[in-house]
Amino acid sequence: MTAVRPGGQFRPLESGDPTAVAGYRLVARLGSGGMGTVYLSHTPGGHPLALKTIRPELSGDAEFRRRFQREVRAAQRVQGLYTAPVIDYDTEGAPPWLAVAYVAGPSLASAVAEHGPLPTPSVLRLLAGMAEALSVIHGAGIVHRDLKPSNVLLASDGPRVIDFGIARAADATALTGTGVSIGTPAFMSPEQAAGKPVTPASDVFALGQVAVFAARGTGAYGDGPSHAVLYRIVHEEPDLGGMPEQLGFVARCLAKDPALRPSPAEIVSLCQEASPTPLRQSGSWLPEAIAEQITRRVSASAAPAPAPAVAPTPTAPVGQAGVTPPPAPPHAAPTAAAPHVPSAPAGFGPAVPPPRPQPAFPPAYGPPAAPRPPFGRQPAWRPQPLPPPKPNKAGKWIGICAGVVAGLFWLGSCASFLQDLGDSSDRSTVTGADESPASARPLPDPTPVGYRGINIPDGYLVRFADSPPKPLDYDDGSVFSGDLYYYEDRLGSFDDRIVLLNNAQQGTLKTCREETRYAESVSLSQLSKGARLCVHSSGHIALVTFRGSAAATDPSDYVSVDLTIWRNAEETDPGE
């Protein structure tokens, strides 16, 4: 589907489209695909956004929601010049949605379909930008898995790689329902097509296929039924006939053996060497026809869109009796700023009334706002103070009695407060430490319990309270929390309190209590055999000794660790 019509107008919303999502006014329809539908919207300041809503059949799957939440959190870490950053999201909404920065440019797929293959200088700039994007994506611990021409957008200042990591969220749902894996067959790597583990090198193979498509207009493994294309990818060599000489290095990207493929950084260097002039991403990097198309898109994103085919249902005024005002949209990074009330400039679709002004403290009818925890963990609910009762109009004597009772209660409270203050002072004198109830306090040293040779597969967790700790699939609907997880070549803590000790530090309870260089996770690339990590979670402290990971020839993906656990080694916030 083409997002912009010949006159520069975006396609209007269709009859079944929403007019707003979580307070974001939807201006136009940008397109739709296997995951959902993408709409044009704007931030409160007027910057355009691409807001993707997830298809009902996916959003209704609890396993998909958990994976989608995990992938969105990972995508937030990606901040590169050649990617579209995540701006906002709600993985628990109906439907779940994700908003990223809008890129005013066509996809590579539509540009080649409409204008033909790109000239060689443009392809070199395209590949250099894509390779730089992959470096940032892989650096965040993400494998794209579905890199293809429709997931590469052409902007005036270079390409943008989008939808990185999101395909993994749908992968388990697709496997469960149909027995096939997510990905576009013509752009899969041999290992992905064969159902083997996918690594960053798989994205490099897809980049090579995208390069052939951009330069020649056809795929490296021909067309036809999906199973036929997949067979050729796994068993046959690519067809590189007609490829420009400067792009000869693309053959290395398409090596069957992942170890023989160049890294993204090496691809950037190869592009620079093949280019007769320095690579610069500017308005002249694309053919004139595509550059004009980008200019039209920029104008269209700032112009009023056609009215929707069906008039939206009028929204009742805020505060009207019996009407609940729309809540402010959830944020990936809540702040103390004013409530988020997205609104578009005048003329952009129907009016959406702003939510009722919110107090600076959490509302009394639900839990306080907090950043979304990973892997579907829900924040602990804390009871809120009830509103004060309405003043009654009892007689004078009742008022006098109430005053006497209140006075006695006040005197008792003062005495209790003074006693507590004295006790607190005594404790401070003895311990010399701040014992704020909001901070974890050490308890008497518990007896350590050791467990050796625990293998944690990718996508699994262990809980320190279990004896012995057994790997549990955190995508299993019966598993709601954990303490240590292994995911995508990273060991992590669900409480975001994991510390990699240096060689000079001893693996003792005292060291783990005193070391506070907390991180959310640690990459396996940072670990060597014997490396030790302190993990704090749910009041327990564990020393994790890394013993290694699965061999490259092993069909499984797991890490092997030894655990020394001090259970109930520190107090936790009673509200958690």
Protein backbone atom coordinates (compact mmCIF):
# COMPACT_ATOMS: atom_id res chain seq x y z
CA MET A 1 0.00 0.00 0.00
CA THR A 2 1.35 3.42 -0.96
CA ALA A 3 1.31 5.85 1.95
CA VAL A 4 1.20 9.04 -0.12
CA ARG A 5 -1.02 9.68 -3.14
CA PRO A 6 0.35 11.39 -6.27
CA GLY A 7 -0.81 14.81 -5.12
CA GLY A 8 1.09 14.57 -1.87
CA GLN A 9 -1.92 13.60 0.27
CA PHE A 10 -1.70 10.73 2.71
CA ARG A 11 -4.28 8.00 2.49
CA PRO A 12 -7.22 8.80 4.79
CA LEU A 13 -8.33 6.63 7.65
CA GLU A 14 -10.67 3.83 6.67
CA SER A 15 -14.04 3.09 8.21
CA GLY A 16 -12.68 0.50 10.65
CA ASP A 17 -9.66 2.56 11.77
CA PRO A 18 -9.55 4.23 15.19
CA THR A 19 -9.35 8.01 15.27
CA ALA A 20 -7.08 8.08 18.33
CA VAL A 21 -4.90 5.68 20.30
CA ALA A 22 -4.08 6.48 23.93
CA GLY A 23 -4.58 10.19 23.28
CA TYR A 24 -2.57 10.25 20.05
CA ARG A 25 -4.74 11.63 17.25
CA LEU A 26 -4.42 9.46 14.13
CA VAL A 27 -4.10 11.59 11.02
CA ALA A 28 -3.72 9.11 8.17
CA ARG A 29 -2.96 5.51 7.33
CA LEU A 30 0.66 4.79 6.38
CA GLY A 31 0.29 1.10 5.63
CA SER A 32 -0.37 -2.36 7.04
CA GLY A 33 1.48 -5.65 7.25
CA GLY A 34 1.74 -8.95 9.04
CA MET A 35 2.12 -7.38 12.48
CA GLY A 36 -0.52 -4.66 12.27
CA THR A 37 -1.40 -1.25 10.85
CA VAL A 38 0.76 1.89 10.88
CA TYR A 39 -0.75 5.38 11.21
CA LEU A 40 0.58 8.90 11.03
CA SER A 41 0.29 10.85 14.28
CA HIS A 42 2.09 13.70 16.04
CA THR A 43 3.68 14.51 19.37
CA PRO A 44 2.18 17.37 21.41
CA GLY A 45 4.86 19.60 19.89
CA GLY A 46 3.81 18.66 16.37
CA HIS A 47 6.61 16.25 15.42
CA PRO A 48 5.30 13.43 13.19
CA LEU A 49 5.18 9.87 14.52
CA ALA A 50 4.56 6.48 12.98
CA LEU A 51 2.23 4.64 15.36
CA LYS A 52 1.84 0.89 14.83
CA THR A 53 -1.12 -0.98 16.32
CA ILE A 54 -0.83 -4.75 16.65
CA ARG A 55 -3.28 -7.11 14.94
CA PRO A 56 -6.05 -8.51 17.20
CA GLU A 57 -5.06 -12.14 16.63
CA LEU A 58 -1.56 -11.35 17.95
CA SER A 59 -2.54 -8.94 20.72
CA GLY A 60 -4.98 -11.51 22.09
CA ASP A 61 -2.12 -13.96 22.66
CA ALA A 62 -0.63 -13.60 26.16
CA GLU A 63 2.69 -15.07 25.05
CA PHE A 64 2.97 -12.53 22.25
CA ARG A 65 2.30 -9.66 24.66
CA ARG A 66 5.09 -10.80 26.98
CA ARG A 67 7.54 -11.08 24.10
CA PHE A 68 6.39 -7.79 22.58
CA GLN A 69 7.00 -6.01 25.88
CA ARG A 70 10.48 -7.50 26.12
CA GLU A 71 11.40 -6.57 22.55
CA VAL A 72 10.12 -3.01 22.88
CA ARG A 73 12.20 -2.50 26.01
CA ALA A 74 15.24 -3.78 24.12
CA ALA A 75 14.46 -1.55 21.13
CA GLN A 76 14.49 1.49 23.43
CA ARG A 77 18.23 0.95 23.87
CA VAL A 78 18.83 1.47 20.14
CA GLN A 79 19.72 5.10 19.48
CA GLY A 80 21.42 5.36 16.09
CA LEU A 81 21.45 7.82 13.21
CA TYR A 82 20.14 5.17 10.82
CA THR A 83 17.29 3.81 12.93
CA ALA A 84 13.88 5.20 13.92
CA PRO A 85 13.93 5.57 17.72
CA VAL A 86 11.09 4.34 19.93
CA ILE A 87 9.17 7.36 21.27
CA ASP A 88 6.29 5.79 23.21
CA TYR A 89 4.47 2.48 23.61
CA ASP A 90 1.89 0.50 25.55
CA THR A 91 2.30 -3.26 25.49
CA GLU A 92 -0.76 -3.77 27.71
CA GLY A 93 -3.17 -1.61 25.71
CA ALA A 94 -6.12 -2.75 23.65
CA PRO A 95 -4.58 -3.01 21.14
CA PRO A 96 -0.88 -2.90 22.03
CA TRP A 97 0.93 -0.16 20.12
CA LEU A 98 4.35 1.28 19.44
CA ALA A 99 5.22 4.81 18.30
CA VAL A 100 8.52 5.59 16.56
CA ALA A 101 9.88 8.70 14.85
CA TYR A 102 8.27 9.15 11.44
CA VAL A 103 10.63 8.86 8.46
CA ALA A 104 9.54 10.97 5.49
CA GLY A 105 10.65 8.61 2.77
CA PRO A 106 9.48 5.56 0.82
CA SER A 107 10.62 2.05 1.62
CA LEU A 108 13.35 0.56 -0.52
CA ALA A 109 10.80 -1.97 -1.79
CA SER A 110 8.38 0.66 -3.07
CA ALA A 111 11.16 2.91 -4.44
CA VAL A 112 12.64 0.09 -6.54
CA ALA A 113 9.19 -1.05 -7.66
CA GLU A 114 8.28 2.48 -8.80
CA HIS A 115 11.61 3.84 -10.06
CA GLY A 116 13.77 0.78 -10.72
CA PRO A 117 17.15 -0.25 -9.24
CA LEU A 118 19.33 2.35 -7.54
CA PRO A 119 22.59 3.59 -9.10
CA THR A 120 25.76 2.12 -7.63
CA PRO A 121 26.76 5.23 -5.60
CA SER A 122 23.32 5.20 -3.95
CA VAL A 123 23.63 1.48 -3.18
CA LEU A 124 27.01 2.02 -1.51
CA ARG A 125 25.57 4.76 0.69
CA LEU A 126 22.55 2.58 1.39
CA LEU A 127 24.70 -0.37 2.51
CA ALA A 128 27.02 1.79 4.62
CA GLY A 129 24.04 3.31 6.47
CA MET A 130 22.36 -0.08 6.94
CA ALA A 131 25.60 -1.61 8.24
CA GLU A 132 26.00 1.24 10.73
CA ALA A 133 22.41 0.68 11.85
CA LEU A 134 23.10 -3.04 12.37
CA SER A 135 26.17 -2.20 14.47
CA VAL A 136 23.96 -0.17 16.83
CA ILE A 137 21.17 -2.77 16.85
CA HIS A 138 23.55 -5.66 17.55
CA GLY A 139 25.30 -3.56 20.20
CA ALA A 140 21.99 -3.42 22.08
CA GLY A 141 21.81 -7.21 22.08
CA ILE A 142 19.19 -7.42 19.31
CA VAL A 143 19.13 -9.50 16.13
CA HIS A 144 16.78 -8.00 13.55
CA ARG A 145 15.63 -11.34 12.06
CA ASP A 146 13.49 -9.73 9.34
CA LEU A 147 15.75 -7.30 7.47
CA LYS A 148 14.20 -6.77 4.02
CA PRO A 149 13.54 -3.91 1.54
CA SER A 150 10.19 -2.99 3.13
CA ASN A 151 11.96 -2.53 6.50
CA VAL A 152 14.46 -0.04 5.05
CA LEU A 153 13.17 3.51 4.57
CA LEU A 154 14.90 6.05 2.35
CA ALA A 155 15.21 9.48 3.96
CA SER A 156 16.92 12.55 2.56
CA ASP A 157 19.85 12.11 4.98
CA GLY A 158 20.30 8.36 4.59
CA PRO A 159 18.47 5.06 5.12
CA ARG A 160 16.58 4.03 8.24
CA VAL A 161 16.31 0.43 9.42
CA ILE A 162 12.99 -0.18 11.20
CA ASP A 163 11.11 -2.98 12.99
CA PHE A 164 14.29 -4.42 14.50
CA GLY A 165 13.66 -7.20 17.02
CA ILE A 166 9.86 -7.02 16.79
CA ALA A 167 9.68 -10.12 14.59
CA ARG A 168 10.92 -12.21 17.51
CA ALA A 169 7.82 -11.25 19.50
CA ALA A 170 5.60 -12.85 16.87
CA ASP A 171 7.91 -15.78 16.26
CA ALA A 172 6.66 -17.98 19.11
CA THR A 173 3.02 -17.24 18.26
CA ALA A 174 3.60 -18.16 14.61
CA LEU A 175 5.51 -21.30 15.50
CA THR A 176 2.76 -22.38 17.86
CA GLY A 177 0.00 -21.72 15.36
CA THR A 178 1.46 -22.70 12.00
CA GLY A 179 4.81 -24.41 12.44
CA VAL A 180 6.72 -21.80 10.42
CA SER A 181 9.09 -19.11 11.65
CA ILE A 182 8.73 -15.38 11.21
CA GLY A 183 10.75 -13.79 8.44
CA THR A 184 10.48 -13.13 4.72
CA PRO A 185 11.66 -16.29 2.85
CA ALA A 186 13.48 -14.43 0.07
CA PHE A 187 15.65 -12.59 2.64
CA MET A 188 16.25 -15.32 5.23
CA SER A 189 19.72 -16.66 6.01
CA PRO A 190 20.47 -20.37 5.49
CA GLU A 191 20.56 -21.00 9.24
CA GLN A 192 17.25 -19.20 9.76
CA ALA A 193 15.64 -21.11 6.90
CA ALA A 194 16.89 -24.39 8.43
CA GLY A 195 15.51 -23.51 11.86
CA LYS A 196 18.98 -23.14 13.44
CA PRO A 197 19.98 -20.43 15.96
CA VAL A 198 19.94 -16.93 14.52
CA THR A 199 22.92 -14.65 15.20
CA PRO A 200 23.97 -11.13 14.11
CA ALA A 201 25.64 -12.79 11.10
CA SER A 202 22.14 -13.73 9.91
CA ASP A 203 21.37 -10.02 9.53
CA VAL A 204 24.53 -9.60 7.45
CA PHE A 205 23.28 -12.29 5.07
CA ALA A 206 19.97 -10.43 4.75
CA LEU A 207 21.88 -7.20 4.10
CA GLY A 208 23.63 -8.91 1.18
CA GLN A 209 20.26 -9.94 -0.25
CA VAL A 210 18.94 -6.40 0.15
CA ALA A 211 22.03 -5.11 -1.69
CA VAL A 212 21.31 -7.36 -4.68
CA PHE A 213 17.68 -6.25 -4.74
CA ALA A 214 18.63 -2.55 -4.57
CA ALA A 215 21.24 -2.81 -7.31
CA ARG A 216 19.44 -5.18 -9.68
CA GLY A 217 15.74 -5.05 -8.79
CA THR A 218 15.55 -8.84 -8.27
CA GLY A 219 16.52 -11.18 -5.45
CA ALA A 220 19.73 -13.17 -5.20
CA TYR A 221 17.86 -16.48 -5.11
CA GLY A 222 15.13 -15.85 -7.67
CA ASP A 223 11.38 -15.89 -7.30
CA GLY A 224 8.75 -18.58 -6.94
CA PRO A 225 7.12 -20.51 -4.10
CA SER A 226 8.57 -19.90 -0.65
CA HIS A 227 9.76 -23.48 -0.19
CA ALA A 228 11.65 -23.33 -3.51
CA VAL A 229 13.38 -20.05 -2.58
CA LEU A 230 14.29 -21.41 0.85
CA TYR A 231 15.77 -24.55 -0.72
CA ARG A 232 17.99 -22.45 -3.00
CA ILE A 233 19.10 -20.29 -0.05
CA VAL A 234 20.19 -23.34 1.91
CA HIS A 235 21.67 -25.47 -0.88
CA GLU A 236 22.59 -23.28 -3.86
CA GLU A 237 24.89 -20.33 -4.55
CA PRO A 238 23.37 -16.87 -5.13
CA ASP A 239 22.83 -15.48 -8.62
CA LEU A 240 24.95 -12.31 -8.75
CA GLY A 241 24.82 -11.80 -12.51
CA GLY A 242 24.54 -8.15 -13.52
CA MET A 243 25.91 -6.83 -10.22
CA PRO A 244 28.27 -3.82 -10.52
CA GLU A 245 31.95 -4.57 -9.98
CA GLN A 246 32.12 -2.14 -7.03
CA LEU A 247 29.65 -4.38 -5.17
CA GLY A 248 31.71 -7.55 -5.48
CA PHE A 249 32.11 -7.75 -1.70
CA VAL A 250 28.38 -8.55 -1.42
CA ALA A 251 29.24 -12.19 -2.25
CA ARG A 252 31.01 -12.42 1.13
CA CYS A 253 27.83 -11.32 2.89
CA LEU A 254 26.03 -14.26 1.26
CA ALA A 255 28.44 -16.94 2.45
CA LYS A 256 26.69 -20.08 3.70
CA ASP A 257 28.99 -20.22 6.73
CA PRO A 258 28.11 -17.36 9.14
CA ALA A 259 31.74 -17.20 10.30
CA LEU A 260 32.87 -16.19 6.80
CA ARG A 261 30.60 -13.17 6.54
CA PRO A 262 32.03 -9.70 7.22
CA SER A 263 30.98 -7.72 10.27
CA PRO A 264 28.85 -4.57 9.86
CA ALA A 265 31.91 -2.43 10.65
CA GLU A 266 33.88 -4.19 7.92
CA ILE A 267 31.03 -3.64 5.45
CA VAL A 268 31.21 0.11 6.10
CA SER A 269 34.95 0.01 5.29
CA LEU A 270 34.31 -2.03 2.12
CA CYS A 271 31.74 0.53 0.96
CA GLN A 272 34.20 3.35 1.56
CA GLU A 273 36.92 1.55 -0.39
CA ALA A 274 34.54 0.86 -3.30
CA SER A 275 33.34 4.47 -3.54
CA PRO A 276 35.43 6.82 -5.73
CA THR A 277 34.31 9.76 -3.58
CA PRO A 278 33.87 10.04 0.20
CA LEU A 279 30.55 8.60 1.38
CA ARG A 280 28.28 11.43 2.48
CA GLN A 281 24.57 11.06 3.27
CA SER A 282 22.86 14.15 1.90
CA GLY A 283 19.92 15.19 -0.24
CA SER A 284 21.84 14.18 -3.37
CA TRP A 285 22.46 10.56 -2.40
CA LEU A 286 19.27 9.35 -4.13
CA PRO A 287 17.98 9.68 -7.71
CA GLU A 288 16.03 12.88 -8.36
CA ALA A 289 12.65 11.13 -8.69
CA ILE A 290 12.96 9.58 -5.22
CA ALA A 291 14.23 12.85 -3.72
CA GLU A 292 11.14 14.63 -5.06
CA GLN A 293 8.95 11.93 -3.56
CA ILE A 294 10.58 12.53 -0.16
CA THR A 295 9.91 16.26 -0.47
CA ARG A 296 6.22 15.53 -1.09
CA ARG A 297 6.10 13.31 1.96
CA VAL A 298 7.62 15.99 4.16
CA SER A 299 4.96 18.46 2.99
CA ALA A 300 2.19 15.89 3.36
CA SER A 301 3.13 15.11 6.98
CA ALA A 302 2.57 18.77 7.87
CA ALA A 303 -0.64 19.29 5.85
CA PRO A 304 -4.23 18.51 6.80
CA ALA A 305 -5.32 14.99 5.86
CA PRO A 306 -8.59 14.12 4.12
CA ALA A 307 -11.52 13.46 6.43
CA PRO A 308 -12.12 9.81 7.36
CA ALA A 309 -14.64 7.87 5.30
CA VAL A 310 -16.97 7.53 8.29
CA ALA A 311 -17.47 10.36 10.73
CA PRO A 312 -16.13 9.49 14.18
CA THR A 313 -18.44 9.14 17.14
CA PRO A 314 -18.52 12.48 19.00
CA THR A 315 -16.66 12.41 22.27
CA ALA A 316 -18.57 13.65 25.31
CA PRO A 317 -17.12 16.72 27.05
CA VAL A 318 -14.70 15.99 29.85
CA GLY A 319 -16.35 16.03 33.22
CA GLN A 320 -19.83 15.20 31.92
CA ALA A 321 -21.74 13.03 34.36
CA GLY A 322 -21.34 9.32 33.71
CA VAL A 323 -18.45 9.79 31.29
CA THR A 324 -14.94 8.66 32.17
CA PRO A 325 -12.31 10.93 30.63
CA PRO A 326 -9.62 9.21 28.52
CA PRO A 327 -6.49 8.41 30.55
CA ALA A 328 -3.15 9.91 29.71
CA PRO A 329 -1.07 7.54 27.54
CA PRO A 330 1.55 5.42 29.32
CA HIS A 331 5.17 6.38 28.78
CA ALA A 332 8.24 4.34 28.24
CA ALA A 333 10.05 6.70 30.62
CA PRO A 334 7.62 8.40 33.05
CA THR A 335 8.73 11.78 34.32
CA ALA A 336 7.43 14.42 36.65
CA ALA A 337 6.42 16.62 33.75
CA ALA A 338 2.88 17.55 32.85
CA PRO A 339 0.57 14.74 31.71
CA HIS A 340 1.15 13.49 28.16
CA VAL A 341 -1.63 14.92 25.99
CA PRO A 342 -0.74 14.30 22.34
CA SER A 343 -2.56 16.61 19.99
CA ALA A 344 -2.11 17.54 16.36
CA PRO A 345 -2.20 21.01 14.80
CA ALA A 346 -5.56 22.44 13.83
CA GLY A 347 -7.27 20.66 10.99
CA PHE A 348 -5.84 17.20 11.72
CA GLY A 349 -8.88 14.96 12.13
CA PRO A 350 -11.47 15.03 14.90
CA ALA A 351 -10.84 16.74 18.18
CA VAL A 352 -9.80 14.56 21.10
CA PRO A 353 -10.52 16.18 24.47
CA PRO A 354 -7.55 16.32 26.86
CA PRO A 355 -7.67 14.13 29.96
CA ARG A 356 -8.73 15.59 33.28
CA PRO A 357 -5.79 17.39 34.98
CA GLN A 358 -3.88 14.92 37.12
CA PRO A 359 -2.48 15.64 40.61
CA ALA A 360 1.24 15.48 41.24
CA PHE A 361 0.75 12.36 43.39
CA PRO A 362 -0.57 8.97 42.17
CA PRO A 363 -4.36 8.75 41.84
CA ALA A 364 -6.25 7.11 44.67
CA TYR A 365 -8.02 4.64 42.40
CA GLY A 366 -5.03 2.57 41.30
CA PRO A 367 -1.31 1.89 41.58
CA PRO A 368 1.25 4.67 41.07
CA ALA A 369 2.84 5.07 37.66
CA ALA A 370 6.13 3.23 37.28
CA PRO A 371 8.37 2.15 34.43
CA ARG A 372 7.23 -1.12 32.91
CA PRO A 373 9.25 -4.03 34.33
CA PRO A 374 10.75 -6.56 31.90
CA PHE A 375 9.18 -9.84 30.82
CA GLY A 376 5.64 -9.09 31.88
CA ARG A 377 6.36 -8.53 35.57
CA GLN A 378 3.78 -6.21 37.02
CA PRO A 379 4.73 -3.47 39.51
CA ALA A 380 3.64 -4.09 43.07
CA TRP A 381 0.37 -2.40 43.95
CA ARG A 382 0.54 0.00 46.84
CA PRO A 383 -2.69 1.04 48.60
CA GLN A 384 -3.50 4.71 48.33
CA PRO A 385 -4.88 6.95 51.09
CA LEU A 386 -8.65 7.25 51.11
CA PRO A 387 -10.19 10.70 50.58
CA PRO A 388 -11.20 12.55 53.76
CA PRO A 389 -14.83 12.00 54.81
CA LYS A 390 -17.34 14.73 54.22
CA PRO A 391 -17.91 16.88 57.32
CA ASN A 392 -21.07 15.87 59.16
CA LYS A 393 -23.50 18.29 60.75
CA ALA A 394 -23.91 16.61 64.15
CA GLY A 395 -24.83 18.57 67.23
CA LYS A 396 -22.62 20.59 69.48
CA TRP A 397 -22.06 17.83 72.09
CA ILE A 398 -20.95 15.31 69.50
CA GLY A 399 -18.48 17.87 68.24
CA ILE A 400 -17.14 18.46 71.76
CA CYS A 401 -16.73 14.71 72.35
CA ALA A 402 -14.98 14.32 69.02
CA GLY A 403 -12.62 17.14 69.95
CA VAL A 404 -11.75 15.51 73.27
CA VAL A 405 -11.07 12.17 71.58
CA ALA A 406 -8.96 13.86 68.94
CA GLY A 407 -6.97 15.66 71.65
CA LEU A 408 -6.27 12.43 73.52
CA PHE A 409 -5.28 10.73 70.27
CA TRP A 410 -2.93 13.61 69.46
CA LEU A 411 -1.25 13.40 72.87
CA GLY A 412 -0.80 9.64 72.44
CA SER A 413 0.66 10.12 68.97
CA CYS A 414 3.15 12.68 70.24
CA ALA A 415 4.31 10.31 72.98
CA SER A 416 4.65 7.46 70.50
CA PHE A 417 6.55 9.69 68.09
CA LEU A 418 9.01 10.81 70.79
CA GLN A 419 9.56 7.20 71.85
CA ASP A 420 10.15 6.12 68.24
CA LEU A 421 12.51 9.04 67.72
CA GLY A 422 14.53 7.97 70.74
CA ASP A 423 14.61 4.36 69.57
CA SER A 424 15.68 5.45 66.09
CA SER A 425 18.43 7.62 67.59
CA ASP A 426 19.67 4.69 69.64
CA ARG A 427 19.72 2.44 66.60
CA SER A 428 21.59 5.05 64.57
CA THR A 429 24.15 5.40 67.35
CA VAL A 430 24.73 1.66 67.43
CA THR A 431 24.75 0.92 63.71
CA GLY A 432 25.94 4.25 62.33
CA ALA A 433 23.75 3.64 59.26
CA ASP A 434 20.69 5.19 57.70
CA GLU A 435 17.79 2.77 58.14
CA SER A 436 15.30 4.38 55.80
CA PRO A 437 12.33 2.03 55.27
CA ALA A 438 12.63 2.57 51.52
CA SER A 439 16.14 1.06 51.35
CA ALA A 440 17.17 -2.57 51.69
CA ARG A 441 18.86 -3.28 55.04
CA PRO A 442 21.33 -6.10 55.65
CA LEU A 443 20.15 -8.90 57.90
CA PRO A 444 22.32 -11.26 59.95
CA ASP A 445 24.52 -13.31 57.66
CA PRO A 446 22.54 -16.33 56.43
CA THR A 447 24.15 -19.67 55.67
CA PRO A 448 25.19 -19.85 52.00
CA VAL A 449 23.78 -22.65 49.86
CA GLY A 450 25.69 -23.76 46.75
CA TYR A 451 24.49 -25.29 43.48
CA ARG A 452 26.83 -26.37 40.71
CA GLY A 453 26.38 -26.86 36.98
CA ILE A 454 23.01 -25.20 36.39
CA ASN A 455 22.30 -24.89 32.65
CA ILE A 456 19.99 -21.99 31.78
CA PRO A 457 18.66 -22.09 28.18
CA ASP A 458 18.01 -18.93 26.19
CA GLY A 459 14.65 -17.51 27.25
CA TYR A 460 14.70 -19.15 30.71
CA LEU A 461 15.02 -17.92 34.29
CA VAL A 462 15.87 -19.28 37.74
CA ARG A 463 14.44 -18.30 41.12
CA PHE A 464 16.77 -18.13 44.12
CA ALA A 465 14.05 -19.28 46.52
CA ASP A 466 13.74 -22.63 44.73
CA SER A 467 15.82 -25.51 46.08
CA PRO A 468 17.44 -26.46 43.85
CA PRO A 469 16.92 -23.59 41.35
CA LYS A 470 15.51 -25.07 38.15
CA PRO A 471 15.37 -23.29 34.76
CA LEU A 472 11.84 -22.07 34.00
CA ASP A 473 10.52 -20.75 30.70
CA TYR A 474 9.54 -17.15 31.39
CA ASP A 475 7.18 -17.24 28.41
CA ASP A 476 5.20 -19.96 30.19
CA GLY A 477 1.91 -18.49 31.40
CA SER A 478 2.41 -20.05 34.84
CA VAL A 479 5.73 -18.25 35.47
CA PHE A 480 5.30 -14.66 36.58
CA SER A 481 8.62 -13.70 38.13
CA GLY A 482 12.22 -14.74 38.54
CA ASP A 483 15.61 -13.56 39.78
CA LEU A 484 18.22 -14.39 37.11
CA TYR A 485 17.54 -14.79 33.38
CA TYR A 486 19.47 -15.67 30.20
CA TYR A 487 18.24 -14.00 27.01
CA GLU A 488 19.88 -13.12 23.69
CA ASP A 489 23.49 -13.63 24.91
CA ARG A 490 22.90 -11.67 28.12
CA LEU A 491 22.62 -12.61 31.79
CA GLY A 492 20.29 -10.26 33.61
CA SER A 493 18.56 -9.47 36.88
CA PHE A 494 14.82 -8.94 37.04
CA ASP A 495 15.42 -6.31 39.74
CA ASP A 496 18.06 -4.58 37.56
CA ARG A 497 20.72 -5.24 40.21
CA ILE A 498 23.52 -7.32 38.74
CA VAL A 499 27.21 -6.48 39.21
CA LEU A 500 30.19 -7.95 37.38
CA LEU A 501 33.04 -8.30 39.89
CA ASN A 502 36.60 -7.63 38.87
CA ASN A 503 39.35 -10.20 39.33
CA ALA A 504 40.63 -8.59 42.52
CA GLN A 505 37.29 -8.78 44.32
CA GLN A 506 36.40 -11.74 46.51
CA GLY A 507 33.08 -13.50 45.94
CA THR A 508 31.78 -12.99 49.47
CA LEU A 509 28.50 -11.82 50.92
CA LYS A 510 30.27 -8.71 52.22
CA THR A 511 31.52 -7.85 48.73
CA CYS A 512 28.08 -8.33 47.19
CA ARG A 513 26.47 -6.17 49.87
CA GLU A 514 28.96 -3.33 49.45
CA GLU A 515 29.26 -3.35 45.62
CA THR A 516 26.60 -1.10 44.04
CA ARG A 517 27.66 -0.80 40.38
CA TYR A 518 24.26 -2.16 39.41
CA ALA A 519 23.29 -2.97 35.83
CA GLU A 520 20.22 -4.53 34.22
CA SER A 521 22.19 -7.22 32.38
CA VAL A 522 25.69 -8.29 31.37
CA SER A 523 26.66 -9.47 27.88
CA LEU A 524 28.34 -12.84 27.49
CA SER A 525 31.06 -11.03 25.53
CA GLN A 526 32.08 -9.44 28.87
CA LEU A 527 32.39 -12.83 30.60
CA SER A 528 35.17 -15.37 30.63
CA LYS A 529 35.15 -18.72 32.34
CA GLY A 530 35.23 -18.18 36.09
CA ALA A 531 33.83 -14.63 35.96
CA ARG A 532 31.69 -13.82 39.00
CA LEU A 533 28.58 -11.67 39.31
CA CYS A 534 26.55 -10.52 42.33
CA VAL A 535 22.79 -10.56 41.84
CA HIS A 536 20.27 -9.02 44.25
CA SER A 537 16.62 -9.97 43.93
CA SER A 538 13.58 -10.43 46.21
CA GLY A 539 15.68 -10.05 49.37
CA HIS A 540 18.14 -12.77 48.27
CA ILE A 541 21.76 -12.30 47.21
CA ALA A 542 23.51 -14.73 44.88
CA LEU A 543 27.06 -15.09 43.65
CA VAL A 544 26.88 -16.34 40.05
CA THR A 545 30.03 -17.99 38.68
CA PHE A 546 30.05 -18.23 34.88
CA ARG A 547 31.24 -21.64 33.64
CA GLY A 548 30.69 -21.19 29.91
CA SER A 549 28.08 -21.39 27.16
CA ALA A 550 26.99 -23.94 24.59
CA ALA A 551 29.45 -24.79 21.84
CA ALA A 552 28.82 -23.45 18.37
CA THR A 553 28.06 -26.99 17.19
CA ASP A 554 25.52 -27.56 19.95
CA PRO A 555 21.94 -27.20 18.67
CA SER A 556 20.94 -25.75 22.06
CA ASP A 557 21.70 -22.27 23.36
CA TYR A 558 22.41 -22.13 27.07
CA VAL A 559 24.83 -20.90 29.72
CA SER A 560 26.25 -22.95 32.57
CA VAL A 561 26.65 -21.31 35.99
CA ASP A 562 27.37 -22.16 39.62
CA LEU A 563 25.25 -20.42 42.25
CA THR A 564 26.00 -19.52 45.84
CA ILE A 565 22.81 -18.13 47.37
CA TRP A 566 22.34 -16.24 50.63
CA ARG A 567 18.57 -16.35 51.10
CA ASN A 568 16.83 -13.50 52.93
CA ALA A 569 20.12 -11.63 53.15
CA GLU A 570 18.58 -8.16 53.04
CA GLU A 571 15.30 -6.53 53.79
CA THR A 572 13.16 -5.29 50.94
CA ASP A 573 10.71 -2.48 50.62
CA PRO A 574 7.55 -3.86 52.30
CA GLY A 575 5.49 -2.28 49.51
CA GLU A 576 7.15 -4.41 46.87
